[in-house]
Amino acid sequence: MIIDELLALERRGWDSLCDGTGDDVYGRLLTEEGVMVLAHGMVFDRPTVIASLAEAPPWQRYEIRDARLIEIDAATAILVYTGIASRDEDEQPFRALMSSTYTRRSGQWRLVLYQQTPIPADPGEGA
């Protein structure tokens, strides 16, 4: 199933963000024209993504929840999910709605667009 393939790619990406190999993994996964629209309001092109991930502190843990697939056609699909991640046990987790748009090129799924929309913290959390 396509959703299983794309979830495996998302997990490979998140695993790389945890083990410090995100620049390599996303360097291979992103298309040449691929972009990431990040929660802090920036749009990164492929070279900027690779450079920023080479310097990024690793995440300690992550969860992918409520994943669903939107199939556009045989070569295009969007994976939408809630992502929850933290770099440190003492900090509030980063929570966002995430979407990854993939295209199949030469038989391989490649990431064209990744987008994050932050989910505001619950005021009662951590109190």
PDB file of N, CA and C in Angstrom:
ATOM      1  N   MET A   1       0.826  -1.192   0.000  1.00  0.00           N
ATOM      2  CA  MET A   1       0.000   0.000   0.000  1.00  0.00           C
ATOM      3  C   MET A   1       0.869   1.254   0.000  1.00  0.00           C
ATOM      4  N   ILE A   2       0.397   2.266  -0.665  1.00  0.00           N
ATOM      5  CA  ILE A   2       1.159   3.510  -0.760  1.00  0.00           C
ATOM      6  C   ILE A   2       1.364   4.144   0.608  1.00  0.00           C
ATOM      7  N   ILE A   3       0.342   4.124   1.464  1.00  0.00           N
ATOM      8  CA  ILE A   3       0.495   4.763   2.773  1.00  0.00           C
ATOM      9  C   ILE A   3       1.629   4.119   3.565  1.00  0.00           C
ATOM     10  N   ASP A   4       1.785   2.803   3.462  1.00  0.00           N
ATOM     11  CA  ASP A   4       2.870   2.134   4.179  1.00  0.00           C
ATOM     12  C   ASP A   4       4.231   2.558   3.643  1.00  0.00           C
ATOM     13  N   GLU A   5       4.342   2.686   2.317  1.00  0.00           N
ATOM     14  CA  GLU A   5       5.604   3.130   1.711  1.00  0.00           C
ATOM     15  C   GLU A   5       5.952   4.547   2.175  1.00  0.00           C
ATOM     16  N   LEU A   6       4.972   5.440   2.150  1.00  0.00           N
ATOM     17  CA  LEU A   6       5.241   6.826   2.518  1.00  0.00           C
ATOM     18  C   LEU A   6       5.475   6.990   4.013  1.00  0.00           C
ATOM     19  N   LEU A   7       4.762   6.226   4.828  1.00  0.00           N
ATOM     20  CA  LEU A   7       5.047   6.256   6.272  1.00  0.00           C
ATOM     21  C   LEU A   7       6.459   5.759   6.560  1.00  0.00           C
ATOM     22  N   ALA A   8       6.914   4.754   5.825  1.00  0.00           N
ATOM     23  CA  ALA A   8       8.285   4.264   5.998  1.00  0.00           C
ATOM     24  C   ALA A   8       9.292   5.357   5.647  1.00  0.00           C
ATOM     25  N   LEU A   9       9.019   6.125   4.593  1.00  0.00           N
ATOM     26  CA  LEU A   9       9.902   7.233   4.232  1.00  0.00           C
ATOM     27  C   LEU A   9       9.883   8.325   5.301  1.00  0.00           C
ATOM     28  N   GLU A  10       8.702   8.643   5.819  1.00  0.00           N
ATOM     29  CA  GLU A  10       8.610   9.652   6.883  1.00  0.00           C
ATOM     30  C   GLU A  10       9.400   9.202   8.115  1.00  0.00           C
ATOM     31  N   ARG A  11       9.252   7.937   8.478  1.00  0.00           N
ATOM     32  CA  ARG A  11       9.991   7.425   9.641  1.00  0.00           C
ATOM     33  C   ARG A  11      11.491   7.434   9.381  1.00  0.00           C
ATOM     34  N   ARG A  12      11.901   7.100   8.154  1.00  0.00           N
ATOM     35  CA  ARG A  12      13.324   7.160   7.810  1.00  0.00           C
ATOM     36  C   ARG A  12      13.824   8.595   7.969  1.00  0.00           C
ATOM     37  N   GLY A  13      13.009   9.566   7.523  1.00  0.00           N
ATOM     38  CA  GLY A  13      13.383  10.969   7.689  1.00  0.00           C
ATOM     39  C   GLY A  13      13.490  11.360   9.151  1.00  0.00           C
ATOM     40  N   TRP A  14      12.480  11.022   9.946  1.00  0.00           N
ATOM     41  CA  TRP A  14      12.522  11.354  11.377  1.00  0.00           C
ATOM     42  C   TRP A  14      13.670  10.631  12.076  1.00  0.00           C
ATOM     43  N   ASP A  15      13.897   9.372  11.737  1.00  0.00           N
ATOM     44  CA  ASP A  15      15.030   8.649  12.340  1.00  0.00           C
ATOM     45  C   ASP A  15      16.341   9.373  12.049  1.00  0.00           C
ATOM     46  N   SER A  16      16.471   9.887  10.818  1.00  0.00           N
ATOM     47  CA  SER A  16      17.697  10.600  10.457  1.00  0.00           C
ATOM     48  C   SER A  16      17.827  11.908  11.229  1.00  0.00           C
ATOM     49  N   LEU A  17      16.699  12.533  11.568  1.00  0.00           N
ATOM     50  CA  LEU A  17      16.738  13.751  12.371  1.00  0.00           C
ATOM     51  C   LEU A  17      17.130  13.441  13.812  1.00  0.00           C
ATOM     52  N   CYS A  18      16.916  12.206  14.233  1.00  0.00           N
ATOM     53  CA  CYS A  18      17.313  11.775  15.573  1.00  0.00           C
ATOM     54  C   CYS A  18      18.777  11.335  15.624  1.00  0.00           C
ATOM     55  N   ASP A  19      19.276  10.758  14.523  1.00  0.00           N
ATOM     56  CA  ASP A  19      20.657  10.246  14.569  1.00  0.00           C
ATOM     57  C   ASP A  19      21.677  11.151  13.881  1.00  0.00           C
ATOM     58  N   GLY A  20      21.237  12.339  13.436  1.00  0.00           N
ATOM     59  CA  GLY A  20      22.168  13.307  12.867  1.00  0.00           C
ATOM     60  C   GLY A  20      22.524  13.105  11.407  1.00  0.00           C
ATOM     61  N   THR A  21      21.763  12.271  10.697  1.00  0.00           N
ATOM     62  CA  THR A  21      22.049  12.046   9.276  1.00  0.00           C
ATOM     63  C   THR A  21      20.989  12.682   8.371  1.00  0.00           C
ATOM     64  N   GLY A  22      20.246  13.648   8.895  1.00  0.00           N
ATOM     65  CA  GLY A  22      19.158  14.277   8.138  1.00  0.00           C
ATOM     66  C   GLY A  22      19.618  14.937   6.859  1.00  0.00           C
ATOM     67  N   ASP A  23      20.807  15.559   6.878  1.00  0.00           N
ATOM     68  CA  ASP A  23      21.285  16.210   5.661  1.00  0.00           C
ATOM     69  C   ASP A  23      21.473  15.206   4.530  1.00  0.00           C
ATOM     70  N   ASP A  24      21.978  14.042   4.845  1.00  0.00           N
ATOM     71  CA  ASP A  24      22.182  13.000   3.826  1.00  0.00           C
ATOM     72  C   ASP A  24      20.849  12.413   3.357  1.00  0.00           C
ATOM     73  N   VAL A  25      20.000  12.049   4.308  1.00  0.00           N
ATOM     74  CA  VAL A  25      18.726  11.412   3.961  1.00  0.00           C
ATOM     75  C   VAL A  25      17.843  12.360   3.156  1.00  0.00           C
ATOM     76  N   TYR A  26      17.677  13.588   3.634  1.00  0.00           N
ATOM     77  CA  TYR A  26      16.833  14.530   2.897  1.00  0.00           C
ATOM     78  C   TYR A  26      17.503  15.026   1.622  1.00  0.00           C
ATOM     79  N   GLY A  27      18.822  15.015   1.582  1.00  0.00           N
ATOM     80  CA  GLY A  27      19.520  15.344   0.350  1.00  0.00           C
ATOM     81  C   GLY A  27      19.192  14.370  -0.768  1.00  0.00           C
ATOM     82  N   ARG A  28      18.974  13.109  -0.405  1.00  0.00           N
ATOM     83  CA  ARG A  28      18.604  12.090  -1.394  1.00  0.00           C
ATOM     84  C   ARG A  28      17.100  12.044  -1.638  1.00  0.00           C
ATOM     85  N   LEU A  29      16.305  12.360  -0.625  1.00  0.00           N
ATOM     86  CA  LEU A  29      14.853  12.232  -0.725  1.00  0.00           C
ATOM     87  C   LEU A  29      14.187  13.402  -1.451  1.00  0.00           C
ATOM     88  N   LEU A  30      14.666  14.614  -1.205  1.00  0.00           N
ATOM     89  CA  LEU A  30      14.059  15.796  -1.820  1.00  0.00           C
ATOM     90  C   LEU A  30      14.374  15.871  -3.312  1.00  0.00           C
ATOM     91  N   THR A  31      13.365  16.265  -4.094  1.00  0.00           N
ATOM     92  CA  THR A  31      13.605  16.534  -5.511  1.00  0.00           C
ATOM     93  C   THR A  31      14.447  17.802  -5.622  1.00  0.00           C
ATOM     94  N   GLU A  32      15.014  18.037  -6.781  1.00  0.00           N
ATOM     95  CA  GLU A  32      15.835  19.239  -6.993  1.00  0.00           C
ATOM     96  C   GLU A  32      15.050  20.513  -6.692  1.00  0.00           C
ATOM     97  N   GLU A  33      13.759  20.538  -7.036  1.00  0.00           N
ATOM     98  CA  GLU A  33      12.924  21.718  -6.812  1.00  0.00           C
ATOM     99  C   GLU A  33      12.183  21.656  -5.477  1.00  0.00           C
ATOM    100  N   GLY A  34      12.432  20.628  -4.674  1.00  0.00           N
ATOM    101  CA  GLY A  34      11.715  20.428  -3.422  1.00  0.00           C
ATOM    102  C   GLY A  34      11.936  21.550  -2.416  1.00  0.00           C
ATOM    103  N   VAL A  35      10.909  21.805  -1.599  1.00  0.00           N
ATOM    104  CA  VAL A  35      10.985  22.824  -0.554  1.00  0.00           C
ATOM    105  C   VAL A  35      10.354  22.307   0.736  1.00  0.00           C
ATOM    106  N   MET A  36      10.751  22.926   1.835  1.00  0.00           N
ATOM    107  CA  MET A  36      10.139  22.696   3.135  1.00  0.00           C
ATOM    108  C   MET A  36       9.607  24.022   3.647  1.00  0.00           C
ATOM    109  N   VAL A  37       8.326  24.020   4.050  1.00  0.00           N
ATOM    110  CA  VAL A  37       7.679  25.187   4.650  1.00  0.00           C
ATOM    111  C   VAL A  37       7.594  24.876   6.140  1.00  0.00           C
ATOM    112  N   LEU A  38       8.412  25.581   6.922  1.00  0.00           N
ATOM    113  CA  LEU A  38       8.589  25.214   8.319  1.00  0.00           C
ATOM    114  C   LEU A  38       7.758  26.071   9.266  1.00  0.00           C
ATOM    115  N   ALA A  39       7.578  25.558  10.472  1.00  0.00           N
ATOM    116  CA  ALA A  39       6.694  26.165  11.462  1.00  0.00           C
ATOM    117  C   ALA A  39       7.104  27.590  11.820  1.00  0.00           C
ATOM    118  N   HIS A  40       8.374  27.919  11.716  1.00  0.00           N
ATOM    119  CA  HIS A  40       8.825  29.255  12.091  1.00  0.00           C
ATOM    120  C   HIS A  40       8.634  30.272  10.958  1.00  0.00           C
ATOM    121  N   GLY A  41       7.944  29.872   9.886  1.00  0.00           N
ATOM    122  CA  GLY A  41       7.588  30.800   8.825  1.00  0.00           C
ATOM    123  C   GLY A  41       8.586  30.895   7.692  1.00  0.00           C
ATOM    124  N   MET A  42       9.561  30.019   7.654  1.00  0.00           N
ATOM    125  CA  MET A  42      10.568  30.048   6.594  1.00  0.00           C
ATOM    126  C   MET A  42      10.262  28.992   5.540  1.00  0.00           C
ATOM    127  N   VAL A  43      10.667  29.277   4.306  1.00  0.00           N
ATOM    128  CA  VAL A  43      10.595  28.317   3.215  1.00  0.00           C
ATOM    129  C   VAL A  43      12.036  28.017   2.817  1.00  0.00           C
ATOM    130  N   PHE A  44      12.428  26.754   2.932  1.00  0.00           N
ATOM    131  CA  PHE A  44      13.787  26.335   2.603  1.00  0.00           C
ATOM    132  C   PHE A  44      13.781  25.546   1.311  1.00  0.00           C
ATOM    133  N   ASP A  45      14.675  25.913   0.394  1.00  0.00           N
ATOM    134  CA  ASP A  45      14.870  25.103  -0.806  1.00  0.00           C
ATOM    135  C   ASP A  45      15.801  23.942  -0.451  1.00  0.00           C
ATOM    136  N   ARG A  46      16.010  23.051  -1.399  1.00  0.00           N
ATOM    137  CA  ARG A  46      16.791  21.839  -1.136  1.00  0.00           C
ATOM    138  C   ARG A  46      18.185  22.140  -0.572  1.00  0.00           C
ATOM    139  N   PRO A  47      18.985  23.032  -1.194  1.00  0.00           N
ATOM    140  CA  PRO A  47      20.313  23.302  -0.628  1.00  0.00           C
ATOM    141  C   PRO A  47      20.257  23.861   0.794  1.00  0.00           C
ATOM    142  N   THR A  48      19.259  24.698   1.085  1.00  0.00           N
ATOM    143  CA  THR A  48      19.134  25.259   2.429  1.00  0.00           C
ATOM    144  C   THR A  48      18.716  24.190   3.428  1.00  0.00           C
ATOM    145  N   VAL A  49      17.834  23.287   3.020  1.00  0.00           N
ATOM    146  CA  VAL A  49      17.445  22.169   3.886  1.00  0.00           C
ATOM    147  C   VAL A  49      18.673  21.349   4.257  1.00  0.00           C
ATOM    148  N   ILE A  50      19.454  20.976   3.270  1.00  0.00           N
ATOM    149  CA  ILE A  50      20.637  20.142   3.500  1.00  0.00           C
ATOM    150  C   ILE A  50      21.607  20.849   4.439  1.00  0.00           C
ATOM    151  N   ALA A  51      21.892  22.130   4.175  1.00  0.00           N
ATOM    152  CA  ALA A  51      22.822  22.882   5.022  1.00  0.00           C
ATOM    153  C   ALA A  51      22.302  23.016   6.448  1.00  0.00           C
ATOM    154  N   SER A  52      21.005  23.303   6.603  1.00  0.00           N
ATOM    155  CA  SER A  52      20.463  23.498   7.952  1.00  0.00           C
ATOM    156  C   SER A  52      20.447  22.189   8.737  1.00  0.00           C
ATOM    157  N   LEU A  53      20.164  21.074   8.068  1.00  0.00           N
ATOM    158  CA  LEU A  53      20.123  19.795   8.780  1.00  0.00           C
ATOM    159  C   LEU A  53      21.515  19.322   9.178  1.00  0.00           C
ATOM    160  N   ALA A  54      22.532  19.761   8.452  1.00  0.00           N
ATOM    161  CA  ALA A  54      23.904  19.408   8.833  1.00  0.00           C
ATOM    162  C   ALA A  54      24.290  20.034  10.173  1.00  0.00           C
ATOM    163  N   GLU A  55      23.616  21.141  10.522  1.00  0.00           N
ATOM    164  CA  GLU A  55      23.912  21.871  11.757  1.00  0.00           C
ATOM    165  C   GLU A  55      22.867  21.674  12.855  1.00  0.00           C
ATOM    166  N   ALA A  56      21.757  21.010  12.547  1.00  0.00           N
ATOM    167  CA  ALA A  56      20.635  20.927  13.483  1.00  0.00           C
ATOM    168  C   ALA A  56      20.921  19.980  14.647  1.00  0.00           C
ATOM    169  N   PRO A  57      20.526  20.384  15.862  1.00  0.00           N
ATOM    170  CA  PRO A  57      20.635  19.451  16.990  1.00  0.00           C
ATOM    171  C   PRO A  57      19.655  18.298  16.789  1.00  0.00           C
ATOM    172  N   PRO A  58      20.015  17.105  17.229  1.00  0.00           N
ATOM    173  CA  PRO A  58      19.139  15.950  16.992  1.00  0.00           C
ATOM    174  C   PRO A  58      17.890  15.975  17.875  1.00  0.00           C
ATOM    175  N   TRP A  59      16.834  15.383  17.340  1.00  0.00           N
ATOM    176  CA  TRP A  59      15.640  15.126  18.124  1.00  0.00           C
ATOM    177  C   TRP A  59      15.899  13.865  18.934  1.00  0.00           C
ATOM    178  N   GLN A  60      15.287  13.773  20.106  1.00  0.00           N
ATOM    179  CA  GLN A  60      15.428  12.592  20.956  1.00  0.00           C
ATOM    180  C   GLN A  60      14.356  11.549  20.655  1.00  0.00           C
ATOM    181  N   ARG A  61      13.154  12.036  20.332  1.00  0.00           N
ATOM    182  CA  ARG A  61      12.041  11.108  20.079  1.00  0.00           C
ATOM    183  C   ARG A  61      10.993  11.808  19.227  1.00  0.00           C
ATOM    184  N   TYR A  62      10.187  10.984  18.577  1.00  0.00           N
ATOM    185  CA  TYR A  62       9.109  11.518  17.750  1.00  0.00           C
ATOM    186  C   TYR A  62       7.967  10.513  17.697  1.00  0.00           C
ATOM    187  N   GLU A  63       6.794  11.020  17.350  1.00  0.00           N
ATOM    188  CA  GLU A  63       5.615  10.188  17.097  1.00  0.00           C
ATOM    189  C   GLU A  63       4.936  10.686  15.840  1.00  0.00           C
ATOM    190  N   ILE A  64       4.381   9.760  15.090  1.00  0.00           N
ATOM    191  CA  ILE A  64       3.532  10.079  13.954  1.00  0.00           C
ATOM    192  C   ILE A  64       2.149   9.551  14.304  1.00  0.00           C
ATOM    193  N   ARG A  65       1.161  10.454  14.351  1.00  0.00           N
ATOM    194  CA  ARG A  65      -0.205  10.071  14.728  1.00  0.00           C
ATOM    195  C   ARG A  65      -1.194  10.435  13.621  1.00  0.00           C
ATOM    196  N   ASP A  66      -2.261   9.672  13.578  1.00  0.00           N
ATOM    197  CA  ASP A  66      -3.418   9.990  12.727  1.00  0.00           C
ATOM    198  C   ASP A  66      -3.035  10.203  11.259  1.00  0.00           C
ATOM    199  N   ALA A  67      -2.174   9.344  10.738  1.00  0.00           N
ATOM    200  CA  ALA A  67      -1.734   9.492   9.345  1.00  0.00           C
ATOM    201  C   ALA A  67      -2.867   9.152   8.380  1.00  0.00           C
ATOM    202  N   ARG A  68      -2.934   9.943   7.332  1.00  0.00           N
ATOM    203  CA  ARG A  68      -3.880   9.632   6.258  1.00  0.00           C
ATOM    204  C   ARG A  68      -3.246  10.015   4.930  1.00  0.00           C
ATOM    205  N   LEU A  69      -3.738   9.383   3.899  1.00  0.00           N
ATOM    206  CA  LEU A  69      -3.171   9.537   2.571  1.00  0.00           C
ATOM    207  C   LEU A  69      -4.174  10.194   1.640  1.00  0.00           C
ATOM    208  N   ILE A  70      -3.685  11.118   0.840  1.00  0.00           N
ATOM    209  CA  ILE A  70      -4.481  11.714  -0.230  1.00  0.00           C
ATOM    210  C   ILE A  70      -3.772  11.345  -1.531  1.00  0.00           C
ATOM    211  N   GLU A  71      -4.401  10.484  -2.317  1.00  0.00           N
ATOM    212  CA  GLU A  71      -3.812  10.078  -3.598  1.00  0.00           C
ATOM    213  C   GLU A  71      -4.297  11.028  -4.687  1.00  0.00           C
ATOM    214  N   ILE A  72      -3.368  11.674  -5.346  1.00  0.00           N
ATOM    215  CA  ILE A  72      -3.701  12.595  -6.430  1.00  0.00           C
ATOM    216  C   ILE A  72      -3.804  11.820  -7.745  1.00  0.00           C
ATOM    217  N   ASP A  73      -2.787  11.027  -8.024  1.00  0.00           N
ATOM    218  CA  ASP A  73      -2.777  10.145  -9.191  1.00  0.00           C
ATOM    219  C   ASP A  73      -1.752   9.043  -8.912  1.00  0.00           C
ATOM    220  N   ALA A  74      -1.428   8.238  -9.902  1.00  0.00           N
ATOM    221  CA  ALA A  74      -0.534   7.096  -9.686  1.00  0.00           C
ATOM    222  C   ALA A  74       0.877   7.513  -9.274  1.00  0.00           C
ATOM    223  N   ALA A  75       1.250   8.764  -9.557  1.00  0.00           N
ATOM    224  CA  ALA A  75       2.612   9.206  -9.273  1.00  0.00           C
ATOM    225  C   ALA A  75       2.690  10.337  -8.249  1.00  0.00           C
ATOM    226  N   THR A  76       1.560  10.691  -7.621  1.00  0.00           N
ATOM    227  CA  THR A  76       1.552  11.812  -6.683  1.00  0.00           C
ATOM    228  C   THR A  76       0.631  11.493  -5.508  1.00  0.00           C
ATOM    229  N   ALA A  77       1.157  11.690  -4.304  1.00  0.00           N
ATOM    230  CA  ALA A  77       0.359  11.445  -3.105  1.00  0.00           C
ATOM    231  C   ALA A  77       0.827  12.371  -1.988  1.00  0.00           C
ATOM    232  N   ILE A  78      -0.099  12.663  -1.082  1.00  0.00           N
ATOM    233  CA  ILE A  78       0.202  13.520   0.059  1.00  0.00           C
ATOM    234  C   ILE A  78      -0.070  12.726   1.334  1.00  0.00           C
ATOM    235  N   LEU A  79       0.907  12.711   2.220  1.00  0.00           N
ATOM    236  CA  LEU A  79       0.753  12.094   3.528  1.00  0.00           C
ATOM    237  C   LEU A  79       0.532  13.215   4.532  1.00  0.00           C
ATOM    238  N   VAL A  80      -0.557  13.134   5.292  1.00  0.00           N
ATOM    239  CA  VAL A  80      -0.908  14.144   6.283  1.00  0.00           C
ATOM    240  C   VAL A  80      -0.941  13.454   7.647  1.00  0.00           C
ATOM    241  N   TYR A  81      -0.340  14.089   8.651  1.00  0.00           N
ATOM    242  CA  TYR A  81      -0.312  13.484   9.982  1.00  0.00           C
ATOM    243  C   TYR A  81      -0.013  14.532  11.048  1.00  0.00           C
ATOM    244  N   THR A  82      -0.187  14.127  12.289  1.00  0.00           N
ATOM    245  CA  THR A  82       0.245  14.928  13.426  1.00  0.00           C
ATOM    246  C   THR A  82       1.609  14.406  13.849  1.00  0.00           C
ATOM    247  N   GLY A  83       2.566  15.308  13.933  1.00  0.00           N
ATOM    248  CA  GLY A  83       3.902  14.952  14.399  1.00  0.00           C
ATOM    249  C   GLY A  83       4.148  15.563  15.763  1.00  0.00           C
ATOM    250  N   ILE A  84       4.742  14.768  16.636  1.00  0.00           N
ATOM    251  CA  ILE A  84       5.096  15.231  17.979  1.00  0.00           C
ATOM    252  C   ILE A  84       6.542  14.821  18.201  1.00  0.00           C
ATOM    253  N   ALA A  85       7.392  15.794  18.535  1.00  0.00           N
ATOM    254  CA  ALA A  85       8.814  15.488  18.695  1.00  0.00           C
ATOM    255  C   ALA A  85       9.405  16.330  19.816  1.00  0.00           C
ATOM    256  N   SER A  86      10.459  15.816  20.426  1.00  0.00           N
ATOM    257  CA  SER A  86      11.158  16.588  21.453  1.00  0.00           C
ATOM    258  C   SER A  86      12.653  16.320  21.361  1.00  0.00           C
ATOM    259  N   ARG A  87      13.396  17.343  21.699  1.00  0.00           N
ATOM    260  CA  ARG A  87      14.855  17.249  21.707  1.00  0.00           C
ATOM    261  C   ARG A  87      15.377  16.980  23.110  1.00  0.00           C
ATOM    262  N   ASP A  88      14.569  17.314  24.102  1.00  0.00           N
ATOM    263  CA  ASP A  88      15.009  17.220  25.494  1.00  0.00           C
ATOM    264  C   ASP A  88      13.797  16.824  26.328  1.00  0.00           C
ATOM    265  N   GLU A  89      14.010  15.984  27.310  1.00  0.00           N
ATOM    266  CA  GLU A  89      12.900  15.532  28.157  1.00  0.00           C
ATOM    267  C   GLU A  89      12.267  16.666  28.944  1.00  0.00           C
ATOM    268  N   ASP A  90      13.025  17.736  29.184  1.00  0.00           N
ATOM    269  CA  ASP A  90      12.530  18.826  30.016  1.00  0.00           C
ATOM    270  C   ASP A  90      11.783  19.907  29.240  1.00  0.00           C
ATOM    271  N   GLU A  91      11.775  19.839  27.928  1.00  0.00           N
ATOM    272  CA  GLU A  91      11.101  20.872  27.152  1.00  0.00           C
ATOM    273  C   GLU A  91       9.740  20.386  26.661  1.00  0.00           C
ATOM    274  N   GLN A  92       8.886  21.351  26.342  1.00  0.00           N
ATOM    275  CA  GLN A  92       7.585  21.012  25.757  1.00  0.00           C
ATOM    276  C   GLN A  92       7.829  20.389  24.384  1.00  0.00           C
ATOM    277  N   PRO A  93       7.114  19.335  24.043  1.00  0.00           N
ATOM    278  CA  PRO A  93       7.279  18.752  22.712  1.00  0.00           C
ATOM    279  C   PRO A  93       6.806  19.717  21.620  1.00  0.00           C
ATOM    280  N   PHE A  94       7.435  19.607  20.471  1.00  0.00           N
ATOM    281  CA  PHE A  94       6.997  20.315  19.271  1.00  0.00           C
ATOM    282  C   PHE A  94       5.858  19.506  18.692  1.00  0.00           C
ATOM    283  N   ARG A  95       4.715  20.168  18.458  1.00  0.00           N
ATOM    284  CA  ARG A  95       3.528  19.507  17.902  1.00  0.00           C
ATOM    285  C   ARG A  95       3.102  20.264  16.666  1.00  0.00           C
ATOM    286  N   ALA A  96       2.873  19.531  15.588  1.00  0.00           N
ATOM    287  CA  ALA A  96       2.446  20.195  14.360  1.00  0.00           C
ATOM    288  C   ALA A  96       1.656  19.245  13.481  1.00  0.00           C
ATOM    289  N   LEU A  97       0.779  19.833  12.686  1.00  0.00           N
ATOM    290  CA  LEU A  97       0.162  19.105  11.596  1.00  0.00           C
ATOM    291  C   LEU A  97       1.167  19.151  10.457  1.00  0.00           C
ATOM    292  N   MET A  98       1.419  18.016   9.853  1.00  0.00           N
ATOM    293  CA  MET A  98       2.453  17.933   8.835  1.00  0.00           C
ATOM    294  C   MET A  98       1.890  17.309   7.575  1.00  0.00           C
ATOM    295  N   SER A  99       2.392  17.775   6.463  1.00  0.00           N
ATOM    296  CA  SER A  99       2.017  17.159   5.193  1.00  0.00           C
ATOM    297  C   SER A  99       3.263  17.047   4.331  1.00  0.00           C
ATOM    298  N   SER A 100       3.384  15.917   3.682  1.00  0.00           N
ATOM    299  CA  SER A 100       4.491  15.636   2.781  1.00  0.00           C
ATOM    300  C   SER A 100       3.903  15.232   1.439  1.00  0.00           C
ATOM    301  N   THR A 101       4.256  15.973   0.409  1.00  0.00           N
ATOM    302  CA  THR A 101       3.798  15.673  -0.941  1.00  0.00           C
ATOM    303  C   THR A 101       4.914  14.935  -1.662  1.00  0.00           C
ATOM    304  N   TYR A 102       4.581  13.749  -2.139  1.00  0.00           N
ATOM    305  CA  TYR A 102       5.547  12.887  -2.817  1.00  0.00           C
ATOM    306  C   TYR A 102       5.182  12.704  -4.277  1.00  0.00           C
ATOM    307  N   THR A 103       6.204  12.537  -5.094  1.00  0.00           N
ATOM    308  CA  THR A 103       6.022  12.179  -6.485  1.00  0.00           C
ATOM    309  C   THR A 103       6.893  10.957  -6.771  1.00  0.00           C
ATOM    310  N   ARG A 104       6.411  10.092  -7.638  1.00  0.00           N
ATOM    311  CA  ARG A 104       7.181   8.900  -7.986  1.00  0.00           C
ATOM    312  C   ARG A 104       7.982   9.227  -9.250  1.00  0.00           C
ATOM    313  N   ARG A 105       9.304   9.124  -9.126  1.00  0.00           N
ATOM    314  CA  ARG A 105      10.211   9.383 -10.251  1.00  0.00           C
ATOM    315  C   ARG A 105      11.156   8.201 -10.386  1.00  0.00           C
ATOM    316  N   SER A 106      11.240   7.671 -11.588  1.00  0.00           N
ATOM    317  CA  SER A 106      12.100   6.515 -11.870  1.00  0.00           C
ATOM    318  C   SER A 106      11.833   5.388 -10.876  1.00  0.00           C
ATOM    319  N   GLY A 107      10.558   5.204 -10.541  1.00  0.00           N
ATOM    320  CA  GLY A 107      10.158   4.113  -9.658  1.00  0.00           C
ATOM    321  C   GLY A 107      10.365   4.365  -8.174  1.00  0.00           C
ATOM    322  N   GLN A 108      10.859   5.543  -7.785  1.00  0.00           N
ATOM    323  CA  GLN A 108      11.128   5.857  -6.378  1.00  0.00           C
ATOM    324  C   GLN A 108      10.286   7.050  -5.946  1.00  0.00           C
ATOM    325  N   TRP A 109       9.753   6.980  -4.717  1.00  0.00           N
ATOM    326  CA  TRP A 109       9.049   8.130  -4.164  1.00  0.00           C
ATOM    327  C   TRP A 109      10.073   9.186  -3.777  1.00  0.00           C
ATOM    328  N   ARG A 110       9.814  10.435  -4.157  1.00  0.00           N
ATOM    329  CA  ARG A 110      10.672  11.568  -3.827  1.00  0.00           C
ATOM    330  C   ARG A 110       9.812  12.671  -3.217  1.00  0.00           C
ATOM    331  N   LEU A 111      10.357  13.382  -2.268  1.00  0.00           N
ATOM    332  CA  LEU A 111       9.649  14.442  -1.554  1.00  0.00           C
ATOM    333  C   LEU A 111       9.728  15.747  -2.341  1.00  0.00           C
ATOM    334  N   VAL A 112       8.565  16.341  -2.624  1.00  0.00           N
ATOM    335  CA  VAL A 112       8.485  17.604  -3.356  1.00  0.00           C
ATOM    336  C   VAL A 112       8.224  18.766  -2.402  1.00  0.00           C
ATOM    337  N   LEU A 113       7.335  18.539  -1.422  1.00  0.00           N
ATOM    338  CA  LEU A 113       6.947  19.603  -0.504  1.00  0.00           C
ATOM    339  C   LEU A 113       6.654  19.009   0.862  1.00  0.00           C
ATOM    340  N   TYR A 114       7.278  19.592   1.882  1.00  0.00           N
ATOM    341  CA  TYR A 114       6.998  19.236   3.271  1.00  0.00           C
ATOM    342  C   TYR A 114       6.542  20.513   3.952  1.00  0.00           C
ATOM    343  N   GLN A 115       5.468  20.423   4.743  1.00  0.00           N
ATOM    344  CA  GLN A 115       4.883  21.607   5.365  1.00  0.00           C
ATOM    345  C   GLN A 115       4.501  21.302   6.804  1.00  0.00           C
ATOM    346  N   GLN A 116       4.748  22.263   7.707  1.00  0.00           N
ATOM    347  CA  GLN A 116       4.393  22.137   9.121  1.00  0.00           C
ATOM    348  C   GLN A 116       3.451  23.274   9.516  1.00  0.00           C
ATOM    349  N   THR A 117       2.417  22.941  10.265  1.00  0.00           N
ATOM    350  CA  THR A 117       1.549  23.948  10.878  1.00  0.00           C
ATOM    351  C   THR A 117       1.535  23.647  12.376  1.00  0.00           C
ATOM    352  N   PRO A 118       2.130  24.525  13.186  1.00  0.00           N
ATOM    353  CA  PRO A 118       2.207  24.262  14.628  1.00  0.00           C
ATOM    354  C   PRO A 118       0.833  24.134  15.274  1.00  0.00           C
ATOM    355  N   ILE A 119       0.760  23.259  16.238  1.00  0.00           N
ATOM    356  CA  ILE A 119      -0.436  23.110  17.066  1.00  0.00           C
ATOM    357  C   ILE A 119      -0.140  23.829  18.376  1.00  0.00           C
ATOM    358  N   PRO A 120      -0.935  24.842  18.730  1.00  0.00           N
ATOM    359  CA  PRO A 120      -0.660  25.575  19.979  1.00  0.00           C
ATOM    360  C   PRO A 120      -0.662  24.632  21.184  1.00  0.00           C
ATOM    361  N   ALA A 121       0.217  24.924  22.130  1.00  0.00           N
ATOM    362  CA  ALA A 121       0.304  24.132  23.362  1.00  0.00           C
ATOM    363  C   ALA A 121      -0.981  24.264  24.157  1.00  0.00           C
ATOM    364  N   ASP A 122      -1.375  23.172  24.763  1.00  0.00           N
ATOM    365  CA  ASP A 122      -2.521  23.175  25.667  1.00  0.00           C
ATOM    366  C   ASP A 122      -2.104  23.935  26.930  1.00  0.00           C
ATOM    367  N   PRO A 123      -2.859  24.984  27.333  1.00  0.00           N
ATOM    368  CA  PRO A 123      -2.456  25.770  28.501  1.00  0.00           C
ATOM    369  C   PRO A 123      -2.317  24.942  29.774  1.00  0.00           C
ATOM    370  N   GLY A 124      -3.032  23.820  29.867  1.00  0.00           N
ATOM    371  CA  GLY A 124      -2.945  22.979  31.048  1.00  0.00           C
ATOM    372  C   GLY A 124      -1.777  22.009  31.031  1.00  0.00           C
ATOM    373  N   GLU A 125      -1.095  21.896  29.900  1.00  0.00           N
ATOM    374  CA  GLU A 125       0.008  20.970  29.767  1.00  0.00           C
ATOM    375  C   GLU A 125       1.214  21.449  30.561  1.00  0.00           C
ATOM    376  N   GLY A 126       1.849  20.546  31.226  1.00  0.00           N
ATOM    377  CA  GLY A 126       3.083  20.864  31.937  1.00  0.00           C
ATOM    378  C   GLY A 126       2.858  21.630  33.237  1.00  0.00           C
ATOM    379  N   ALA A 127       1.620  21.867  33.599  1.00  0.00           N
ATOM    380  CA  ALA A 127       1.347  22.634  34.830  1.00  0.00           C
ATOM    381  C   ALA A 127       1.273  21.724  36.020  1.00  0.00           C
TER     382      ALA A 127
END
